[in-house]
């Protein structure tokens, strides 16, 4: 039994798994959670919601652009990149609606009071 053959077969099975749209969607969802968790842990509380909103909307735009460029069917069964983009947009707009306008100004370096 050769070790190189087993490793080659494993590598091919991993790359075949990544080509599967469902696996790509899971990977992208996990990657999308990482910035939100980083914001929750690192950002000051005053700008956390506007920052989550901004990051979520940028990720939603990225997912929607990928789905559009790949010509994915938005009526397909199960979860698609269109669904992930919609979920991220919902989170982004929700966080933006709940946050204070002064916090959004502070995020961009502007002062609410002069």
Foldseek 3Di string as FASTA:
>chain_A
DDPVVVVVVVVVVVVVQCPPQVSVVVVLVVVLVVVLVCLVVPPDPLQSLLVLLVSLQVSLVVLVVVCVVVVPDPPDPDDGSPNSSVVSNVSNVVSVVPHDPQSNCVVVPHHPPD
